[in-house]
Amino acid sequence: MLAAIEAGGTKFVLAVGPSPDTITARHTIPTRDPQATLAEAAAWFAAQGPLTALGIGSFGPVELDRAAANWGFITTTPKPGWAHTDVARRLAGALGGVPVGFDTDVNAAALAEHAARGGAGAGAGSLAYLTSGTGIGGGLVVDGRPVHGIAHPEVGHIYPRRAPGDSDFPGVCPHHGDCLEGLAAGPAVMARWGASLSELGEGHPAHAIIADYVAQACHTLFASVAVEEVVIGGGVAQTPGLVERIAARARELDAGYLPGGARHRIIAPRLGTDSGITGAMLLAARAAAEA
């Protein structure tokens, strides 16, 4: 029996099942302080019976280097109380020392869309998952494995070119101001226009502005990493018509240059809101196989 956690800033989604494609039980708990949240998660898993492995896709930043003393930690997150929190080892210990697969929530979602049954990336050699909601993050899968460098990608903190006539808004990112997240995530939309993107009328200029910034990120992924697909999820991305608008704008930005041509696609998640937890199940399966 595999166990999985999609660890988000507002909620933890927990699941168990015999394989990544078969979840037999799931449970959602609010993200409170680390001690209470992790203890509640461990207690629920303990009640599910013996477990083979645990997969965790977590909000970040996180430490992914297994040689590091703080592997499996959430590190410098602005989430109050969660900075420098040991997640992976603490939960592994609470569950009897089971092997743990640990990655970012967006890498887990990218892995699911690439490898899981029914995912968006069937037949694709490479895929990026870009989530746009409370923040913006990106995960990459190339040749079937999540991409890690010295750390994990932070696609939300690239600096896009400012849209014409859109130079006054300073952005809301506490670190970078007008990075992609600071300009196009949900809190940026709310700070600028006082409503979510889906609440603003279809003709509101916000739709074109946000689509332009996210399309720039997609073009950057196509041009720099040469991924075949960018899957766009998250709350902001659920705005009707936004993914299609982003795809059209990315084609304009490319101007027919990239050699991948029509193989570069921008699409919505095929697994819907299950991308993250399915990816965590895949991380658990891989941890079990490698143990």
Protein backbone atom coordinates (compact mmCIF):
# COMPACT_ATOMS: atom_id res chain seq x y z
CA MET A 1 0.00 0.00 0.00
CA LEU A 2 1.45 3.34 -1.08
CA ALA A 3 0.88 6.61 0.77
CA ALA A 4 0.98 10.09 -0.71
CA ILE A 5 0.76 13.72 0.36
CA GLU A 6 0.11 16.79 -1.72
CA ALA A 7 1.35 19.36 0.78
CA GLY A 8 -0.06 22.79 0.02
CA GLY A 9 0.01 26.08 1.82
CA THR A 10 -3.68 25.87 2.73
CA LYS A 11 -4.35 22.13 2.83
CA PHE A 12 -2.70 18.71 2.84
CA VAL A 13 -4.28 16.09 0.60
CA LEU A 14 -3.54 12.55 1.84
CA ALA A 15 -4.10 9.34 -0.11
CA VAL A 16 -3.34 5.64 -0.05
CA GLY A 17 -3.67 2.95 -2.68
CA PRO A 18 -1.98 -0.10 -4.17
CA SER A 19 -0.68 1.80 -7.21
CA PRO A 20 -0.45 5.38 -8.52
CA ASP A 21 -3.49 4.74 -10.73
CA THR A 22 -5.62 3.37 -7.90
CA ILE A 23 -6.36 5.53 -4.87
CA THR A 24 -8.53 3.66 -2.38
CA ALA A 25 -8.82 6.32 0.32
CA ARG A 26 -8.10 10.02 0.61
CA HIS A 27 -8.41 12.68 3.26
CA THR A 28 -7.87 16.44 3.39
CA ILE A 29 -6.64 18.39 6.40
CA PRO A 30 -5.98 22.12 6.80
CA THR A 31 -2.37 23.30 6.84
CA ARG A 32 -1.91 24.58 10.37
CA ASP A 33 1.40 24.70 12.25
CA PRO A 34 3.91 21.97 11.31
CA GLN A 35 3.59 19.92 14.50
CA ALA A 36 -0.20 19.70 14.39
CA THR A 37 -0.42 19.19 10.63
CA LEU A 38 2.23 16.48 10.37
CA ALA A 39 0.91 14.68 13.46
CA GLU A 40 -2.61 14.59 12.02
CA ALA A 41 -1.29 13.32 8.70
CA ALA A 42 0.75 10.59 10.40
CA ALA A 43 -2.24 9.51 12.49
CA TRP A 44 -4.46 9.17 9.43
CA PHE A 45 -1.87 7.11 7.59
CA ALA A 46 -1.33 4.89 10.62
CA ALA A 47 -5.03 4.06 10.59
CA GLN A 48 -4.84 2.86 6.97
CA GLY A 49 -2.71 -0.17 7.78
CA PRO A 50 0.88 -1.13 6.84
CA LEU A 51 2.44 1.12 4.21
CA THR A 52 5.17 0.32 1.70
CA ALA A 53 6.40 3.84 0.87
CA LEU A 54 5.44 7.50 1.12
CA GLY A 55 5.52 10.12 -1.63
CA ILE A 56 5.40 13.85 -0.84
CA GLY A 57 4.90 16.70 -3.26
CA SER A 58 5.38 19.83 -1.20
CA PHE A 59 5.10 23.57 -1.44
CA GLY A 60 8.52 25.14 -1.25
CA PRO A 61 11.23 26.04 -1.47
CA VAL A 62 12.44 22.58 -0.42
CA GLU A 63 15.77 20.77 -0.18
CA LEU A 64 16.00 17.95 -2.72
CA ASP A 65 19.68 16.97 -2.41
CA ARG A 66 19.68 13.62 -0.59
CA ALA A 67 23.26 14.24 0.52
CA ALA A 68 22.25 17.42 2.34
CA ALA A 69 21.72 17.34 6.09
CA ASN A 70 18.36 19.05 5.59
CA TRP A 71 17.10 16.87 2.75
CA GLY A 72 13.31 16.68 2.88
CA PHE A 73 12.94 20.08 4.57
CA ILE A 74 10.76 22.98 3.54
CA THR A 75 13.40 25.70 3.66
CA THR A 76 12.94 29.45 3.19
CA THR A 77 9.20 29.55 2.66
CA PRO A 78 7.30 32.71 3.64
CA LYS A 79 4.53 30.46 5.02
CA PRO A 80 4.43 31.47 8.72
CA GLY A 81 5.94 28.82 10.99
CA TRP A 82 7.01 26.48 8.20
CA ALA A 83 10.49 27.74 7.33
CA HIS A 84 13.20 25.09 7.90
CA THR A 85 10.69 22.33 8.72
CA ASP A 86 11.67 18.68 8.44
CA VAL A 87 8.79 17.05 6.57
CA ALA A 88 10.13 13.90 4.92
CA ARG A 89 12.19 12.37 7.72
CA ARG A 90 9.67 13.29 10.40
CA LEU A 91 6.84 11.56 8.56
CA ALA A 92 9.02 8.60 7.58
CA GLY A 93 9.89 8.08 11.22
CA ALA A 94 6.26 8.32 12.29
CA LEU A 95 5.37 5.65 9.73
CA GLY A 96 7.99 3.12 10.77
CA GLY A 97 10.87 4.21 8.57
CA VAL A 98 9.23 3.64 5.17
CA PRO A 99 11.17 4.89 2.11
CA VAL A 100 10.16 8.38 1.02
CA GLY A 101 10.03 10.08 -2.35
CA PHE A 102 10.16 13.85 -1.93
CA ASP A 103 9.83 16.62 -4.48
CA THR A 104 8.07 19.90 -5.12
CA ASP A 105 4.33 19.93 -5.63
CA VAL A 106 4.76 21.18 -9.19
CA ASN A 107 7.36 18.54 -10.07
CA ALA A 108 4.95 15.93 -8.70
CA ALA A 109 2.16 17.34 -10.85
CA ALA A 110 4.45 17.40 -13.89
CA LEU A 111 5.42 13.78 -13.26
CA ALA A 112 1.76 12.76 -13.03
CA GLU A 113 0.72 14.53 -16.22
CA HIS A 114 3.70 12.96 -17.99
CA ALA A 115 3.56 9.41 -16.68
CA ALA A 116 0.17 8.61 -15.17
CA ARG A 117 -2.63 6.94 -17.06
CA GLY A 118 -4.80 9.63 -18.65
CA GLY A 119 -2.23 12.40 -18.21
CA ALA A 120 -1.58 15.15 -20.74
CA GLY A 121 1.91 14.03 -21.67
CA ALA A 122 1.26 10.58 -23.08
CA GLY A 123 3.87 10.04 -25.78
CA ALA A 124 5.75 13.26 -24.99
CA GLY A 125 9.41 13.04 -24.07
CA SER A 126 9.34 16.22 -22.01
CA LEU A 127 6.77 18.32 -20.20
CA ALA A 128 6.53 21.34 -17.95
CA TYR A 129 3.76 21.91 -15.41
CA LEU A 130 3.10 25.56 -14.64
CA THR A 131 0.72 26.33 -11.80
CA SER A 132 -0.82 29.76 -11.39
CA GLY A 133 -2.78 30.41 -8.23
CA THR A 134 -1.72 31.91 -4.91
CA GLY A 135 1.78 31.75 -6.37
CA ILE A 136 3.32 30.62 -9.64
CA GLY A 137 5.57 27.58 -9.82
CA GLY A 138 6.92 25.31 -12.48
CA GLY A 139 8.02 21.69 -12.62
CA LEU A 140 9.90 19.96 -15.43
CA VAL A 141 10.03 16.32 -16.50
CA VAL A 142 12.58 15.27 -19.12
CA ASP A 143 13.06 11.63 -20.16
CA GLY A 144 10.62 10.57 -17.48
CA ARG A 145 12.35 12.18 -14.50
CA PRO A 146 11.82 15.48 -12.67
CA VAL A 147 14.55 18.01 -13.38
CA HIS A 148 16.73 19.14 -10.48
CA GLY A 149 19.79 21.31 -10.60
CA ILE A 150 21.46 22.70 -7.52
CA ALA A 151 17.86 23.10 -6.38
CA HIS A 152 14.49 22.93 -8.12
CA PRO A 153 13.26 25.27 -10.86
CA GLU A 154 11.66 28.54 -9.73
CA VAL A 155 9.83 29.48 -12.91
CA GLY A 156 7.55 31.86 -11.04
CA HIS A 157 10.46 34.16 -10.29
CA ILE A 158 11.72 34.88 -13.77
CA TYR A 159 11.36 38.48 -14.94
CA PRO A 160 8.98 38.85 -17.89
CA ARG A 161 9.08 41.78 -20.27
CA ARG A 162 6.49 44.30 -19.11
CA ALA A 163 3.43 44.50 -21.31
CA PRO A 164 3.06 47.72 -23.34
CA GLY A 165 1.52 50.41 -21.17
CA ASP A 166 1.79 48.27 -18.04
CA SER A 167 4.67 49.83 -16.17
CA ASP A 168 3.05 51.40 -13.10
CA PHE A 169 2.16 48.31 -11.07
CA PRO A 170 5.25 47.40 -8.98
CA GLY A 171 4.28 43.75 -8.40
CA VAL A 172 3.56 41.98 -5.14
CA CYS A 173 6.44 39.50 -4.77
CA PRO A 174 8.15 40.35 -1.46
CA HIS A 175 11.51 39.33 -2.93
CA HIS A 176 11.44 40.52 -6.54
CA GLY A 177 8.49 42.86 -7.00
CA ASP A 178 7.60 42.43 -10.66
CA CYS A 179 8.71 38.87 -11.35
CA LEU A 180 6.16 36.58 -13.00
CA GLU A 181 4.57 35.66 -9.68
CA GLY A 182 4.56 39.28 -8.58
CA LEU A 183 2.70 40.31 -11.73
CA ALA A 184 0.43 37.41 -12.63
CA ALA A 185 -0.42 35.24 -9.59
CA GLY A 186 -3.79 35.49 -7.88
CA PRO A 187 -2.72 38.02 -5.22
CA ALA A 188 -1.29 40.27 -7.94
CA VAL A 189 -4.59 40.22 -9.82
CA MET A 190 -6.47 40.99 -6.62
CA ALA A 191 -4.08 43.81 -5.65
CA ARG A 192 -4.44 45.47 -9.04
CA TRP A 193 -8.11 45.03 -9.85
CA GLY A 194 -9.82 44.12 -6.57
CA ALA A 195 -11.23 40.83 -7.87
CA SER A 196 -10.09 37.45 -9.13
CA LEU A 197 -9.48 37.07 -12.84
CA SER A 198 -12.57 34.88 -13.26
CA GLU A 199 -14.68 37.59 -11.62
CA LEU A 200 -13.55 40.23 -14.09
CA GLY A 201 -15.51 40.48 -17.31
CA GLU A 202 -14.19 38.73 -20.41
CA GLY A 203 -13.40 42.06 -22.03
CA HIS A 204 -11.43 43.36 -19.04
CA PRO A 205 -7.82 44.21 -19.96
CA ALA A 206 -6.58 42.03 -17.10
CA HIS A 207 -7.16 38.90 -19.19
CA ALA A 208 -4.82 40.00 -21.97
CA ILE A 209 -2.19 41.27 -19.54
CA ILE A 210 -2.08 38.06 -17.46
CA ALA A 211 -2.13 35.89 -20.59
CA ASP A 212 0.81 37.85 -21.99
CA TYR A 213 2.95 37.35 -18.89
CA VAL A 214 2.22 33.62 -18.60
CA ALA A 215 2.72 33.17 -22.35
CA GLN A 216 6.17 34.71 -21.98
CA ALA A 217 7.00 32.06 -19.36
CA CYS A 218 5.77 29.33 -21.70
CA HIS A 219 7.87 30.69 -24.55
CA THR A 220 10.88 30.81 -22.23
CA LEU A 221 10.34 27.13 -21.36
CA PHE A 222 10.00 26.17 -25.02
CA ALA A 223 13.07 28.17 -26.02
CA SER A 224 15.39 27.31 -23.12
CA VAL A 225 14.44 23.73 -22.21
CA ALA A 226 12.71 22.66 -25.44
CA VAL A 227 9.87 20.91 -23.64
CA GLU A 228 7.14 19.60 -25.88
CA GLU A 229 4.22 20.60 -23.67
CA VAL A 230 3.43 23.13 -20.98
CA VAL A 231 0.49 22.07 -18.83
CA ILE A 232 -1.07 25.02 -17.00
CA GLY A 233 -2.97 24.37 -13.77
CA GLY A 234 -3.93 26.26 -10.63
CA GLY A 235 -6.82 28.47 -9.65
CA VAL A 236 -6.03 31.40 -11.95
CA ALA A 237 -5.64 29.03 -14.89
CA GLN A 238 -9.20 27.82 -14.36
CA THR A 239 -10.48 31.17 -15.64
CA PRO A 240 -12.58 30.30 -18.71
CA GLY A 241 -10.63 30.79 -21.93
CA LEU A 242 -7.35 31.76 -20.27
CA VAL A 243 -5.30 28.71 -21.32
CA GLU A 244 -6.41 29.18 -24.92
CA ARG A 245 -5.53 32.88 -24.76
CA ILE A 246 -2.09 32.03 -23.35
CA ALA A 247 -1.48 29.51 -26.14
CA ALA A 248 -2.45 32.03 -28.82
CA ARG A 249 -0.21 34.71 -27.32
CA ALA A 250 2.73 32.27 -27.06
CA ARG A 251 2.39 31.53 -30.78
CA GLU A 252 2.54 35.27 -31.48
CA LEU A 253 5.65 35.62 -29.33
CA ASP A 254 7.37 32.75 -31.11
CA ALA A 255 6.64 34.21 -34.57
CA GLY A 256 7.29 30.82 -36.19
CA TYR A 257 10.91 30.55 -35.04
CA LEU A 258 11.19 27.57 -32.69
CA PRO A 259 12.09 24.32 -34.49
CA GLY A 260 9.59 22.33 -32.43
CA GLY A 261 6.77 24.08 -34.23
CA ALA A 262 3.34 22.61 -33.57
CA ARG A 263 4.82 20.01 -31.21
CA HIS A 264 5.08 22.78 -28.62
CA ARG A 265 1.67 22.77 -26.98
CA ILE A 266 0.06 24.66 -24.11
CA ILE A 267 -2.80 22.71 -22.55
CA ALA A 268 -4.87 22.29 -19.39
CA PRO A 269 -4.19 19.37 -17.02
CA ARG A 270 -5.83 16.14 -18.14
CA LEU A 271 -5.84 14.88 -14.55
CA GLY A 272 -7.56 18.03 -13.32
CA THR A 273 -7.09 18.66 -9.61
CA ASP A 274 -5.64 15.15 -9.14
CA SER A 275 -2.30 15.94 -10.80
CA GLY A 276 -0.53 16.71 -7.52
CA ILE A 277 -1.72 13.75 -5.46
CA THR A 278 -1.23 11.34 -8.37
CA GLY A 279 2.32 12.63 -8.74
CA ALA A 280 2.92 12.05 -5.04
CA MET A 281 1.71 8.46 -5.50
CA LEU A 282 4.22 8.06 -8.33
CA LEU A 283 6.97 9.39 -6.07
CA ALA A 284 5.98 6.75 -3.50
CA ALA A 285 6.05 3.98 -6.10
CA ARG A 286 9.52 5.04 -7.25
CA ALA A 287 10.77 5.21 -3.67
CA ALA A 288 9.49 1.68 -3.06
CA ALA A 289 11.14 0.39 -6.23
CA GLU A 290 14.47 2.01 -5.39
CA ALA A 291 14.55 0.97 -1.71
